[in-house]
Amino acid sequence: DTIETGGALGVLMAQNVIAFGDAQ
């Protein structure tokens, strides 16, 4: 699901596991 996936990635980005804006 793209919605749940985007939500999951957003929370990870808030924790700096991935940087916001880091598409790769």
PDB file of all heavy atoms in Angstrom:
ATOM      1  N   ASP A   1       0.834  -1.191   0.000  1.00  0.00           N
ATOM      2  CA  ASP A   1       0.000   0.000   0.000  1.00  0.00           C
ATOM      3  C   ASP A   1       0.873   1.246   0.000  1.00  0.00           C
ATOM      4  O   ASP A   1       1.688   1.445   0.903  1.00  0.00           O
ATOM      5  CB  ASP A   1      -0.897  -0.033   1.243  1.00  0.00           C
ATOM      6  CG  ASP A   1      -1.740   1.212   1.423  1.00  0.00           C
ATOM      7  OD1 ASP A   1      -2.008   1.899   0.427  1.00  0.00           O
ATOM      8  OD2 ASP A   1      -2.144   1.478   2.579  1.00  0.00           O
ATOM      9  N   THR A   2       0.697   2.116  -0.981  1.00  0.00           N
ATOM     10  CA  THR A   2       1.529   3.322  -1.069  1.00  0.00           C
ATOM     11  C   THR A   2       1.278   4.272   0.103  1.00  0.00           C
ATOM     12  O   THR A   2       2.203   4.960   0.548  1.00  0.00           O
ATOM     13  CB  THR A   2       1.269   4.069  -2.388  1.00  0.00           C
ATOM     14  OG1 THR A   2      -0.140   4.335  -2.527  1.00  0.00           O
ATOM     15  CG2 THR A   2       1.746   3.266  -3.580  1.00  0.00           C
ATOM     16  N   ILE A   3       0.047   4.319   0.609  1.00  0.00           N
ATOM     17  CA  ILE A   3      -0.248   5.225   1.719  1.00  0.00           C
ATOM     18  C   ILE A   3       0.462   4.760   2.991  1.00  0.00           C
ATOM     19  O   ILE A   3       1.161   5.544   3.647  1.00  0.00           O
ATOM     20  CB  ILE A   3      -1.767   5.326   1.948  1.00  0.00           C
ATOM     21  CG1 ILE A   3      -2.444   5.961   0.724  1.00  0.00           C
ATOM     22  CG2 ILE A   3      -2.071   6.141   3.209  1.00  0.00           C
ATOM     23  CD1 ILE A   3      -3.959   6.005   0.811  1.00  0.00           C
ATOM     24  N   GLU A   4       0.303   3.496   3.332  1.00  0.00           N
ATOM     25  CA  GLU A   4       0.956   2.987   4.540  1.00  0.00           C
ATOM     26  C   GLU A   4       2.478   3.032   4.396  1.00  0.00           C
ATOM     27  O   GLU A   4       3.196   3.304   5.366  1.00  0.00           O
ATOM     28  CB  GLU A   4       0.493   1.564   4.832  1.00  0.00           C
ATOM     29  CG  GLU A   4       0.859   1.061   6.213  1.00  0.00           C
ATOM     30  CD  GLU A   4       0.223   1.905   7.309  1.00  0.00           C
ATOM     31  OE1 GLU A   4      -0.973   2.255   7.189  1.00  0.00           O
ATOM     32  OE2 GLU A   4       0.934   2.214   8.292  1.00  0.00           O
ATOM     33  N   THR A   5       2.968   2.787   3.183  1.00  0.00           N
ATOM     34  CA  THR A   5       4.415   2.840   2.946  1.00  0.00           C
ATOM     35  C   THR A   5       4.950   4.248   3.146  1.00  0.00           C
ATOM     36  O   THR A   5       5.984   4.452   3.796  1.00  0.00           O
ATOM     37  CB  THR A   5       4.737   2.352   1.520  1.00  0.00           C
ATOM     38  OG1 THR A   5       4.251   1.014   1.361  1.00  0.00           O
ATOM     39  CG2 THR A   5       6.228   2.389   1.255  1.00  0.00           C
ATOM     40  N   GLY A   6       4.231   5.238   2.588  1.00  0.00           N
ATOM     41  CA  GLY A   6       4.659   6.628   2.780  1.00  0.00           C
ATOM     42  C   GLY A   6       4.632   7.038   4.232  1.00  0.00           C
ATOM     43  O   GLY A   6       5.509   7.773   4.708  1.00  0.00           O
ATOM     44  N   GLY A   7       3.628   6.563   4.968  1.00  0.00           N
ATOM     45  CA  GLY A   7       3.571   6.858   6.396  1.00  0.00           C
ATOM     46  C   GLY A   7       4.725   6.230   7.151  1.00  0.00           C
ATOM     47  O   GLY A   7       5.343   6.854   8.024  1.00  0.00           O
ATOM     48  N   ALA A   8       5.053   4.981   6.801  1.00  0.00           N
ATOM     49  CA  ALA A   8       6.161   4.279   7.461  1.00  0.00           C
ATOM     50  C   ALA A   8       7.491   4.987   7.197  1.00  0.00           C
ATOM     51  O   ALA A   8       8.290   5.206   8.119  1.00  0.00           O
ATOM     52  CB  ALA A   8       6.221   2.836   6.966  1.00  0.00           C
ATOM     53  N   LEU A   9       7.729   5.345   5.942  1.00  0.00           N
ATOM     54  CA  LEU A   9       8.980   6.035   5.600  1.00  0.00           C
ATOM     55  C   LEU A   9       9.048   7.406   6.261  1.00  0.00           C
ATOM     56  O   LEU A   9      10.127   7.847   6.687  1.00  0.00           O
ATOM     57  CB  LEU A   9       9.102   6.171   4.083  1.00  0.00           C
ATOM     58  CG  LEU A   9       9.317   4.870   3.299  1.00  0.00           C
ATOM     59  CD1 LEU A   9       9.239   5.135   1.802  1.00  0.00           C
ATOM     60  CD2 LEU A   9      10.665   4.234   3.650  1.00  0.00           C
ATOM     61  N   GLY A  10       7.898   8.080   6.369  1.00  0.00           N
ATOM     62  CA  GLY A  10       7.889   9.393   7.008  1.00  0.00           C
ATOM     63  C   GLY A  10       8.302   9.330   8.466  1.00  0.00           C
ATOM     64  O   GLY A  10       9.060  10.181   8.950  1.00  0.00           O
ATOM     65  N   VAL A  11       7.827   8.325   9.194  1.00  0.00           N
ATOM     66  CA  VAL A  11       8.210   8.177  10.605  1.00  0.00           C
ATOM     67  C   VAL A  11       9.694   7.832  10.709  1.00  0.00           C
ATOM     68  O   VAL A  11      10.401   8.340  11.600  1.00  0.00           O
ATOM     69  CB  VAL A  11       7.338   7.108  11.293  1.00  0.00           C
ATOM     70  CG1 VAL A  11       7.786   6.907  12.737  1.00  0.00           C
ATOM     71  CG2 VAL A  11       5.869   7.511  11.259  1.00  0.00           C
ATOM     72  N   LEU A  12      10.197   6.999   9.811  1.00  0.00           N
ATOM     73  CA  LEU A  12      11.627   6.686   9.810  1.00  0.00           C
ATOM     74  C   LEU A  12      12.462   7.937   9.533  1.00  0.00           C
ATOM     75  O   LEU A  12      13.524   8.139  10.135  1.00  0.00           O
ATOM     76  CB  LEU A  12      11.936   5.619   8.752  1.00  0.00           C
ATOM     77  CG  LEU A  12      11.562   4.177   9.100  1.00  0.00           C
ATOM     78  CD1 LEU A  12      11.836   3.275   7.906  1.00  0.00           C
ATOM     79  CD2 LEU A  12      12.315   3.678  10.322  1.00  0.00           C
ATOM     80  N   MET A  13      11.980   8.779   8.630  1.00  0.00           N
ATOM     81  CA  MET A  13      12.704  10.015   8.331  1.00  0.00           C
ATOM     82  C   MET A  13      12.685  10.966   9.521  1.00  0.00           C
ATOM     83  O   MET A  13      13.674  11.678   9.781  1.00  0.00           O
ATOM     84  CB  MET A  13      12.118  10.682   7.094  1.00  0.00           C
ATOM     85  CG  MET A  13      12.472   9.965   5.801  1.00  0.00           C
ATOM     86  SD  MET A  13      11.812  10.815   4.334  1.00  0.00           S
ATOM     87  CE  MET A  13      12.635   9.875   3.010  1.00  0.00           C
ATOM     88  N   ALA A  14      11.597  10.985  10.268  1.00  0.00           N
ATOM     89  CA  ALA A  14      11.529  11.821  11.467  1.00  0.00           C
ATOM     90  C   ALA A  14      12.547  11.385  12.507  1.00  0.00           C
ATOM     91  O   ALA A  14      12.955  12.175  13.368  1.00  0.00           O
ATOM     92  CB  ALA A  14      10.119  11.775  12.048  1.00  0.00           C
ATOM     93  N   GLN A  15      12.972  10.118  12.422  1.00  0.00           N
ATOM     94  CA  GLN A  15      13.982   9.583  13.340  1.00  0.00           C
ATOM     95  C   GLN A  15      15.387   9.618  12.734  1.00  0.00           C
ATOM     96  O   GLN A  15      16.333   9.059  13.301  1.00  0.00           O
ATOM     97  CB  GLN A  15      13.626   8.140  13.705  1.00  0.00           C
ATOM     98  CG  GLN A  15      12.397   8.022  14.592  1.00  0.00           C
ATOM     99  CD  GLN A  15      12.619   8.652  15.954  1.00  0.00           C
ATOM    100  OE1 GLN A  15      13.624   8.399  16.612  1.00  0.00           O
ATOM    101  NE2 GLN A  15      11.693   9.502  16.370  1.00  0.00           N
ATOM    102  N   ASN A  16      15.515  10.239  11.558  1.00  0.00           N
ATOM    103  CA  ASN A  16      16.800  10.346  10.855  1.00  0.00           C
ATOM    104  C   ASN A  16      17.388   8.993  10.463  1.00  0.00           C
ATOM    105  O   ASN A  16      18.602   8.875  10.247  1.00  0.00           O
ATOM    106  CB  ASN A  16      17.830  11.130  11.690  1.00  0.00           C
ATOM    107  CG  ASN A  16      17.448  12.590  11.835  1.00  0.00           C
ATOM    108  OD1 ASN A  16      17.042  13.226  10.861  1.00  0.00           O
ATOM    109  ND2 ASN A  16      17.563  13.110  13.043  1.00  0.00           N
ATOM    110  N   VAL A  17      16.551   7.962  10.383  1.00  0.00           N
ATOM    111  CA  VAL A  17      17.010   6.687   9.823  1.00  0.00           C
ATOM    112  C   VAL A  17      17.300   6.882   8.336  1.00  0.00           C
ATOM    113  O   VAL A  17      18.250   6.325   7.781  1.00  0.00           O
ATOM    114  CB  VAL A  17      15.951   5.585  10.035  1.00  0.00           C
ATOM    115  CG1 VAL A  17      16.379   4.270   9.381  1.00  0.00           C
ATOM    116  CG2 VAL A  17      15.696   5.384  11.527  1.00  0.00           C
ATOM    117  N   ILE A  18      16.463   7.684   7.705  1.00  0.00           N
ATOM    118  CA  ILE A  18      16.661   8.184   6.346  1.00  0.00           C
ATOM    119  C   ILE A  18      16.443   9.683   6.432  1.00  0.00           C
ATOM    120  O   ILE A  18      15.615  10.153   7.222  1.00  0.00           O
ATOM    121  CB  ILE A  18      15.634   7.573   5.359  1.00  0.00           C
ATOM    122  CG1 ILE A  18      15.572   6.052   5.480  1.00  0.00           C
ATOM    123  CG2 ILE A  18      15.941   7.970   3.915  1.00  0.00           C
ATOM    124  CD1 ILE A  18      14.364   5.428   4.801  1.00  0.00           C
ATOM    125  N   ALA A  19      17.154  10.457   5.658  1.00  0.00           N
ATOM    126  CA  ALA A  19      16.990  11.912   5.703  1.00  0.00           C
ATOM    127  C   ALA A  19      15.758  12.319   4.890  1.00  0.00           C
ATOM    128  O   ALA A  19      15.463  11.728   3.849  1.00  0.00           O
ATOM    129  CB  ALA A  19      18.228  12.608   5.153  1.00  0.00           C
ATOM    130  N   PHE A  20      15.032  13.331   5.361  1.00  0.00           N
ATOM    131  CA  PHE A  20      13.960  13.888   4.552  1.00  0.00           C
ATOM    132  C   PHE A  20      14.529  14.354   3.208  1.00  0.00           C
ATOM    133  O   PHE A  20      15.591  14.965   3.149  1.00  0.00           O
ATOM    134  CB  PHE A  20      13.293  15.073   5.263  1.00  0.00           C
ATOM    135  CG  PHE A  20      12.263  14.664   6.278  1.00  0.00           C
ATOM    136  CD1 PHE A  20      12.455  14.917   7.628  1.00  0.00           C
ATOM    137  CD2 PHE A  20      11.093  14.032   5.880  1.00  0.00           C
ATOM    138  CE1 PHE A  20      11.505  14.546   8.568  1.00  0.00           C
ATOM    139  CE2 PHE A  20      10.134  13.643   6.809  1.00  0.00           C
ATOM    140  CZ  PHE A  20      10.341  13.902   8.162  1.00  0.00           C
ATOM    141  N   GLY A  21      13.829  14.034   2.155  1.00  0.00           N
ATOM    142  CA  GLY A  21      14.270  14.414   0.816  1.00  0.00           C
ATOM    143  C   GLY A  21      15.207  13.422   0.153  1.00  0.00           C
ATOM    144  O   GLY A  21      15.532  13.571  -1.032  1.00  0.00           O
ATOM    145  N   ASP A  22      15.628  12.395   0.890  1.00  0.00           N
ATOM    146  CA  ASP A  22      16.569  11.406   0.348  1.00  0.00           C
ATOM    147  C   ASP A  22      15.785  10.322  -0.398  1.00  0.00           C
ATOM    148  O   ASP A  22      15.464   9.266   0.156  1.00  0.00           O
ATOM    149  CB  ASP A  22      17.403  10.800   1.477  1.00  0.00           C
ATOM    150  CG  ASP A  22      18.452   9.808   0.968  1.00  0.00           C
ATOM    151  OD1 ASP A  22      18.543   9.596  -0.259  1.00  0.00           O
ATOM    152  OD2 ASP A  22      19.187   9.242   1.808  1.00  0.00           O
ATOM    153  N   ALA A  23      15.501  10.581  -1.664  1.00  0.00           N
ATOM    154  CA  ALA A  23      14.707   9.646  -2.461  1.00  0.00           C
ATOM    155  C   ALA A  23      15.421   8.313  -2.640  1.00  0.00           C
ATOM    156  O   ALA A  23      14.807   7.244  -2.536  1.00  0.00           O
ATOM    157  CB  ALA A  23      14.379  10.262  -3.819  1.00  0.00           C
ATOM    158  N   GLN A  24      16.728   8.356  -2.887  1.00  0.00           N
ATOM    159  CA  GLN A  24      17.462   7.115  -3.082  1.00  0.00           C
ATOM    160  C   GLN A  24      17.498   6.292  -1.808  1.00  0.00           C
ATOM    161  O   GLN A  24      17.379   5.059  -1.841  1.00  0.00           O
ATOM    162  CB  GLN A  24      18.892   7.408  -3.549  1.00  0.00           C
ATOM    163  CG  GLN A  24      19.656   6.166  -4.008  1.00  0.00           C
ATOM    164  CD  GLN A  24      18.979   5.439  -5.150  1.00  0.00           C
ATOM    165  OE1 GLN A  24      18.716   6.027  -6.203  1.00  0.00           O
ATOM    166  NE2 GLN A  24      18.676   4.154  -4.968  1.00  0.00           N
TER     167      GLN A  24
END
